[in-house]
Protein backbone atom coordinates (compact mmCIF):
# COMPACT_ATOMS: atom_id res chain seq x y z
CA MET A 1 59.69 25.64 -3.19
CA THR A 2 61.06 22.18 -3.39
CA THR A 3 63.59 20.15 -1.44
CA VAL A 4 64.89 17.07 -2.87
CA GLU A 5 66.44 14.78 -0.54
CA ILE A 6 69.19 12.05 -2.14
CA GLU A 7 70.21 9.72 0.50
CA TYR A 8 73.31 7.01 -0.69
CA CYS A 9 75.17 4.58 0.59
CA VAL A 10 78.57 5.68 1.82
CA PRO A 11 79.86 1.94 2.26
CA CYS A 12 79.11 0.54 -0.95
CA GLY A 13 80.21 4.05 -2.76
CA HIS A 14 77.03 5.46 -3.74
CA ILE A 15 78.68 8.83 -4.00
CA ASP A 16 79.76 9.68 -6.91
CA ARG A 17 76.02 8.49 -8.27
CA ALA A 18 74.07 10.52 -5.69
CA VAL A 19 76.58 13.92 -6.79
CA ASP A 20 76.08 12.80 -10.15
CA LEU A 21 71.96 13.12 -9.60
CA GLN A 22 72.46 16.18 -7.84
CA ARG A 23 74.49 18.19 -10.50
CA LEU A 24 71.90 16.45 -13.18
CA LEU A 25 68.74 17.57 -10.80
CA LEU A 26 69.91 21.22 -9.75
CA THR A 27 70.73 21.60 -14.23
CA SER A 28 67.46 20.44 -14.74
CA PHE A 29 65.89 22.32 -12.20
CA ARG A 30 67.05 25.60 -11.81
CA GLN A 31 66.19 27.73 -9.19
CA GLN A 32 62.99 25.92 -9.11
CA LEU A 33 64.42 24.29 -6.43
CA ASP A 34 65.53 24.98 -2.50
CA ARG A 35 67.59 22.66 -2.17
CA VAL A 36 69.24 19.72 -2.88
CA ALA A 37 71.10 18.12 -0.07
CA LEU A 38 73.24 14.72 0.15
CA VAL A 39 72.05 12.61 3.05
CA THR A 40 74.77 10.29 4.39
CA GLY A 41 73.33 6.16 4.77
CA ASP A 42 74.59 2.35 4.93
CA GLY A 43 72.84 -0.84 3.43
CA GLY A 44 72.90 -0.75 0.48
CA VAL A 45 70.66 2.33 0.45
CA PHE A 46 69.76 5.17 -2.71
CA VAL A 47 66.38 6.96 -1.82
CA VAL A 48 65.83 10.40 -3.43
CA ARG A 49 62.73 12.10 -1.59
CA VAL A 50 60.78 15.23 -2.40
CA ASP A 51 59.43 17.20 0.27
CA GLY A 52 59.98 14.42 2.65
CA GLU A 53 57.79 12.09 0.39
CA ARG A 54 60.02 9.19 -1.58
CA VAL A 55 60.21 9.56 -5.14
CA PHE A 56 62.39 6.36 -5.90
CA ASP A 57 64.59 3.71 -3.65
CA VAL A 58 67.15 1.62 -5.60
CA ALA A 59 65.61 -1.04 -3.42
CA GLU A 60 62.36 -1.35 -5.76
CA ASP A 61 63.25 -0.02 -8.54
CA GLU A 62 66.48 0.15 -11.10
CA TYR A 63 68.34 3.41 -10.96
CA ASP A 64 67.47 5.54 -14.52
CA PRO A 65 68.56 9.21 -13.72
CA ASP A 66 65.96 10.39 -15.84
CA GLU A 67 63.81 8.53 -14.83
CA VAL A 68 63.97 10.02 -11.23
CA VAL A 69 64.05 13.34 -12.91
CA ARG A 70 60.44 12.58 -14.22
CA ARG A 71 59.68 12.03 -11.04
CA VAL A 72 60.74 14.81 -9.21
CA ARG A 73 58.55 16.88 -12.12
CA GLU A 74 56.19 14.88 -11.40
CA ARG A 75 55.81 15.63 -8.06
CA MET A 76 56.81 19.57 -7.59
CA ARG A 77 53.66 20.13 -10.10
C-alpha cells in the first residue's frame, strides 16, 4: 500500500489547503492508500510525498490539486 504525506506551513494558514487536498486524495484513491498524513511545517512549505519521495513542492510548481493527484497516481504505478 501507499503512504502520502502533505507537509504544510502552519503560520501561513495552509491547513485548509492541506485538508482539502487530503480529502481529494482519499476520495480519488480510496483504499489504494494506506494513509494520507498531514505534517506541520513552516517557512512557506507545501510539499507532497508518496512513500517518502517528493512529488510536489510549491516552491517549484504552482499549486494545482488536479496536478498533485496526477503525480500521486503516476508514482503509485
